[in-house]
């Protein structure tokens, strides 16, 4: 699949947006916004509950029933600027390798630009081919917009 990205500008300081975007406790709600359909997810930093996220930190996201959805690792972590998670999931039909990036830019004291991007390669060749032929990018952009809305001022 081709990479997709969305961006938005918020009337919030970069620190406030970073605090929400970088909190692993909120990542489950971001996955819920992306997945939609009322699904519930839990996110956890598997390095230890008291360890702050940093490059190399393992991340796990699972459905509330316990089945793993995403097993990933932080490969870029730059406070107030952004982070990247590489992830994978096994499965003959739903397996994938993915990269998910959040980039923040301070435009002014109370104005922040945020960009979310993702690139997913499906391990099943037929699913990968279908993702190239169908409007999957359009659908993923709409889902990423829902994630961005979670960072908007309340």
C-alpha atoms as a PDB file:
ATOM      1  CA  UNK A   1       0.000   0.000   0.000  1.00  0.00           C
ATOM      2  CA  UNK A   2       1.133   3.519  -0.641  1.00  0.00           C
ATOM      3  CA  UNK A   3       1.791   5.746   2.334  1.00  0.00           C
ATOM      4  CA  UNK A   4      -0.932   8.139   3.471  1.00  0.00           C
ATOM      5  CA  UNK A   5      -0.740  11.261   5.609  1.00  0.00           C
ATOM      6  CA  UNK A   6      -3.032  13.924   7.011  1.00  0.00           C
ATOM      7  CA  UNK A   7      -2.264  17.191   8.747  1.00  0.00           C
ATOM      8  CA  UNK A   8      -4.042  19.855  10.721  1.00  0.00           C
ATOM      9  CA  UNK A   9      -3.353  23.013  12.680  1.00  0.00           C
ATOM     10  CA  UNK A  10      -4.517  23.384  16.276  1.00  0.00           C
ATOM     11  CA  UNK A  11      -4.963  26.467  18.433  1.00  0.00           C
ATOM     12  CA  UNK A  12      -3.055  24.801  21.248  1.00  0.00           C
ATOM     13  CA  UNK A  13       0.546  25.024  22.422  1.00  0.00           C
ATOM     14  CA  UNK A  14       2.810  22.282  21.091  1.00  0.00           C
ATOM     15  CA  UNK A  15       3.406  21.017  24.644  1.00  0.00           C
ATOM     16  CA  UNK A  16      -0.336  20.363  25.152  1.00  0.00           C
ATOM     17  CA  UNK A  17      -0.608  18.460  21.861  1.00  0.00           C
ATOM     18  CA  UNK A  18       2.589  16.517  22.635  1.00  0.00           C
ATOM     19  CA  UNK A  19       1.324  15.579  26.108  1.00  0.00           C
ATOM     20  CA  UNK A  20      -1.768  13.944  24.603  1.00  0.00           C
ATOM     21  CA  UNK A  21      -0.125  12.430  21.523  1.00  0.00           C
ATOM     22  CA  UNK A  22       2.811  10.917  23.415  1.00  0.00           C
ATOM     23  CA  UNK A  23       0.834   9.365  26.283  1.00  0.00           C
ATOM     24  CA  UNK A  24       0.742   5.577  25.723  1.00  0.00           C
ATOM     25  CA  UNK A  25      -2.393   5.444  27.850  1.00  0.00           C
ATOM     26  CA  UNK A  26      -4.213   7.367  25.091  1.00  0.00           C
ATOM     27  CA  UNK A  27      -2.908   5.310  22.169  1.00  0.00           C
ATOM     28  CA  UNK A  28      -5.707   2.785  22.614  1.00  0.00           C
ATOM     29  CA  UNK A  29      -8.260   5.557  22.023  1.00  0.00           C
ATOM     30  CA  UNK A  30      -6.361   6.630  18.891  1.00  0.00           C
ATOM     31  CA  UNK A  31      -6.542   3.060  17.570  1.00  0.00           C
ATOM     32  CA  UNK A  32     -10.263   3.033  18.453  1.00  0.00           C
ATOM     33  CA  UNK A  33     -10.752   6.218  16.408  1.00  0.00           C
ATOM     34  CA  UNK A  34      -8.860   4.652  13.494  1.00  0.00           C
ATOM     35  CA  UNK A  35     -10.616   1.272  13.654  1.00  0.00           C
ATOM     36  CA  UNK A  36     -14.073   2.690  14.328  1.00  0.00           C
ATOM     37  CA  UNK A  37     -17.161   0.532  14.660  1.00  0.00           C
ATOM     38  CA  UNK A  38     -17.215   0.824  18.465  1.00  0.00           C
ATOM     39  CA  UNK A  39     -14.216  -1.462  18.994  1.00  0.00           C
ATOM     40  CA  UNK A  40     -12.285  -1.011  22.253  1.00  0.00           C
ATOM     41  CA  UNK A  41      -8.511  -1.283  22.524  1.00  0.00           C
ATOM     42  CA  UNK A  42      -5.912  -1.193  25.283  1.00  0.00           C
ATOM     43  CA  UNK A  43      -2.393   0.147  24.839  1.00  0.00           C
ATOM     44  CA  UNK A  44       0.617  -0.561  27.016  1.00  0.00           C
ATOM     45  CA  UNK A  45       4.298   0.187  27.054  1.00  0.00           C
ATOM     46  CA  UNK A  46       5.722  -3.266  27.610  1.00  0.00           C
ATOM     47  CA  UNK A  47       9.052  -2.029  28.963  1.00  0.00           C
ATOM     48  CA  UNK A  48       7.391  -1.393  32.316  1.00  0.00           C
ATOM     49  CA  UNK A  49       4.562   0.819  33.495  1.00  0.00           C
ATOM     50  CA  UNK A  50       6.853   3.386  35.122  1.00  0.00           C
ATOM     51  CA  UNK A  51       9.332   3.599  32.265  1.00  0.00           C
ATOM     52  CA  UNK A  52       8.752   6.672  30.101  1.00  0.00           C
ATOM     53  CA  UNK A  53       8.593   5.980  26.360  1.00  0.00           C
ATOM     54  CA  UNK A  54      11.876   6.370  24.486  1.00  0.00           C
ATOM     55  CA  UNK A  55      13.521   5.007  21.350  1.00  0.00           C
ATOM     56  CA  UNK A  56      13.509   1.225  21.512  1.00  0.00           C
ATOM     57  CA  UNK A  57      10.495   1.006  23.841  1.00  0.00           C
ATOM     58  CA  UNK A  58       8.207  -1.909  23.019  1.00  0.00           C
ATOM     59  CA  UNK A  59       4.512  -1.083  22.578  1.00  0.00           C
ATOM     60  CA  UNK A  60       1.565  -3.485  22.546  1.00  0.00           C
ATOM     61  CA  UNK A  61      -2.014  -2.708  21.564  1.00  0.00           C
ATOM     62  CA  UNK A  62      -4.709  -5.327  22.032  1.00  0.00           C
ATOM     63  CA  UNK A  63      -8.464  -5.630  21.787  1.00  0.00           C
ATOM     64  CA  UNK A  64     -10.242  -5.410  25.101  1.00  0.00           C
ATOM     65  CA  UNK A  65     -10.735  -9.181  24.863  1.00  0.00           C
ATOM     66  CA  UNK A  66      -6.962  -9.606  24.965  1.00  0.00           C
ATOM     67  CA  UNK A  67      -6.075 -10.546  21.374  1.00  0.00           C
ATOM     68  CA  UNK A  68      -3.054  -8.609  20.085  1.00  0.00           C
ATOM     69  CA  UNK A  69      -3.625  -6.119  17.275  1.00  0.00           C
ATOM     70  CA  UNK A  70      -0.280  -4.366  17.142  1.00  0.00           C
ATOM     71  CA  UNK A  71       3.136  -5.292  18.452  1.00  0.00           C
ATOM     72  CA  UNK A  72       5.506  -2.421  17.866  1.00  0.00           C
ATOM     73  CA  UNK A  73       8.604  -0.522  18.830  1.00  0.00           C
ATOM     74  CA  UNK A  74       9.361   3.183  19.053  1.00  0.00           C
ATOM     75  CA  UNK A  75      12.125   3.865  16.543  1.00  0.00           C
ATOM     76  CA  UNK A  76      12.095   7.667  16.741  1.00  0.00           C
ATOM     77  CA  UNK A  77      11.186   9.672  19.822  1.00  0.00           C
ATOM     78  CA  UNK A  78      11.885  13.408  19.927  1.00  0.00           C
ATOM     79  CA  UNK A  79       9.932  15.205  22.677  1.00  0.00           C
ATOM     80  CA  UNK A  80       7.763  18.058  21.391  1.00  0.00           C
ATOM     81  CA  UNK A  81       8.632  17.130  17.776  1.00  0.00           C
ATOM     82  CA  UNK A  82       7.224  13.646  17.193  1.00  0.00           C
ATOM     83  CA  UNK A  83       7.675   9.906  17.215  1.00  0.00           C
ATOM     84  CA  UNK A  84       7.526   6.860  14.959  1.00  0.00           C
ATOM     85  CA  UNK A  85       6.255   3.393  15.798  1.00  0.00           C
ATOM     86  CA  UNK A  86       7.095   0.422  13.596  1.00  0.00           C
ATOM     87  CA  UNK A  87       4.692  -2.434  14.059  1.00  0.00           C
ATOM     88  CA  UNK A  88       3.773  -5.814  12.755  1.00  0.00           C
ATOM     89  CA  UNK A  89       1.012  -8.334  13.115  1.00  0.00           C
ATOM     90  CA  UNK A  90       1.064 -11.978  12.194  1.00  0.00           C
ATOM     91  CA  UNK A  91      -1.612 -13.808  10.311  1.00  0.00           C
ATOM     92  CA  UNK A  92      -1.958 -15.333   6.877  1.00  0.00           C
ATOM     93  CA  UNK A  93      -4.700 -12.861   5.933  1.00  0.00           C
ATOM     94  CA  UNK A  94      -4.270  -9.848   8.213  1.00  0.00           C
ATOM     95  CA  UNK A  95      -0.498  -9.840   8.699  1.00  0.00           C
ATOM     96  CA  UNK A  96       1.326  -6.586   7.987  1.00  0.00           C
ATOM     97  CA  UNK A  97       4.396  -4.463   8.616  1.00  0.00           C
ATOM     98  CA  UNK A  98       3.629  -0.819   9.283  1.00  0.00           C
ATOM     99  CA  UNK A  99       5.176   2.509  10.155  1.00  0.00           C
ATOM    100  CA  UNK A 100       3.139   5.155  11.970  1.00  0.00           C
ATOM    101  CA  UNK A 101       4.551   8.657  12.486  1.00  0.00           C
ATOM    102  CA  UNK A 102       3.384  11.739  14.399  1.00  0.00           C
ATOM    103  CA  UNK A 103       5.174  15.036  13.628  1.00  0.00           C
ATOM    104  CA  UNK A 104       4.518  18.278  15.487  1.00  0.00           C
ATOM    105  CA  UNK A 105       5.654  21.804  14.622  1.00  0.00           C
ATOM    106  CA  UNK A 106       5.234  24.889  16.762  1.00  0.00           C
ATOM    107  CA  UNK A 107       3.961  27.656  14.488  1.00  0.00           C
ATOM    108  CA  UNK A 108       3.330  30.171  17.268  1.00  0.00           C
ATOM    109  CA  UNK A 109       2.943  30.131  21.055  1.00  0.00           C
ATOM    110  CA  UNK A 110      -0.614  28.803  20.784  1.00  0.00           C
ATOM    111  CA  UNK A 111      -0.562  27.320  17.287  1.00  0.00           C
ATOM    112  CA  UNK A 112       0.653  23.809  16.477  1.00  0.00           C
ATOM    113  CA  UNK A 113       0.811  21.897  13.209  1.00  0.00           C
ATOM    114  CA  UNK A 114       0.375  18.126  13.469  1.00  0.00           C
ATOM    115  CA  UNK A 115       0.962  15.532  10.752  1.00  0.00           C
ATOM    116  CA  UNK A 116       0.073  11.845  10.993  1.00  0.00           C
ATOM    117  CA  UNK A 117       1.399   9.433   8.414  1.00  0.00           C
ATOM    118  CA  UNK A 118       1.332   5.704   7.944  1.00  0.00           C
ATOM    119  CA  UNK A 119       2.672   3.149   5.542  1.00  0.00           C
ATOM    120  CA  UNK A 120       1.497  -0.439   5.683  1.00  0.00           C
ATOM    121  CA  UNK A 121       2.692  -3.438   3.686  1.00  0.00           C
ATOM    122  CA  UNK A 122       0.383  -6.434   3.922  1.00  0.00           C
ATOM    123  CA  UNK A 123       2.109  -9.806   4.101  1.00  0.00           C
ATOM    124  CA  UNK A 124      -0.599 -11.547   2.078  1.00  0.00           C
ATOM    125  CA  UNK A 125       0.166 -10.733  -1.570  1.00  0.00           C
ATOM    126  CA  UNK A 126      -3.499 -10.757  -2.566  1.00  0.00           C
ATOM    127  CA  UNK A 127      -4.444  -8.331   0.218  1.00  0.00           C
ATOM    128  CA  UNK A 128      -1.507  -6.093  -0.728  1.00  0.00           C
ATOM    129  CA  UNK A 129      -2.553  -6.134  -4.387  1.00  0.00           C
ATOM    130  CA  UNK A 130      -6.160  -5.355  -3.433  1.00  0.00           C
ATOM    131  CA  UNK A 131      -4.954  -2.445  -1.278  1.00  0.00           C
ATOM    132  CA  UNK A 132      -3.202  -0.991  -4.324  1.00  0.00           C
ATOM    133  CA  UNK A 133      -6.227  -1.413  -6.596  1.00  0.00           C
ATOM    134  CA  UNK A 134      -8.956  -0.280  -4.193  1.00  0.00           C
ATOM    135  CA  UNK A 135      -9.376   3.175  -2.584  1.00  0.00           C
ATOM    136  CA  UNK A 136      -7.783   2.007   0.660  1.00  0.00           C
ATOM    137  CA  UNK A 137      -5.650   5.154   0.892  1.00  0.00           C
ATOM    138  CA  UNK A 138      -8.778   7.312   0.830  1.00  0.00           C
ATOM    139  CA  UNK A 139     -10.353   5.242   3.603  1.00  0.00           C
ATOM    140  CA  UNK A 140      -7.176   5.318   5.703  1.00  0.00           C
ATOM    141  CA  UNK A 141      -6.940   9.110   5.313  1.00  0.00           C
ATOM    142  CA  UNK A 142     -10.485   9.450   6.649  1.00  0.00           C
ATOM    143  CA  UNK A 143      -9.584   7.245   9.622  1.00  0.00           C
ATOM    144  CA  UNK A 144      -6.403   9.246  10.303  1.00  0.00           C
ATOM    145  CA  UNK A 145      -8.552  12.413  10.285  1.00  0.00           C
ATOM    146  CA  UNK A 146     -10.565  10.871  13.125  1.00  0.00           C
ATOM    147  CA  UNK A 147      -7.351  10.297  15.067  1.00  0.00           C
ATOM    148  CA  UNK A 148      -6.328  13.940  14.492  1.00  0.00           C
ATOM    149  CA  UNK A 149      -9.709  15.036  15.815  1.00  0.00           C
ATOM    150  CA  UNK A 150      -8.786  13.387  19.136  1.00  0.00           C
ATOM    151  CA  UNK A 151      -5.925  15.894  19.457  1.00  0.00           C
ATOM    152  CA  UNK A 152      -8.120  18.923  18.696  1.00  0.00           C
ATOM    153  CA  UNK A 153      -8.928  21.385  21.489  1.00  0.00           C
ATOM    154  CA  UNK A 154     -11.876  20.398  23.584  1.00  0.00           C
END
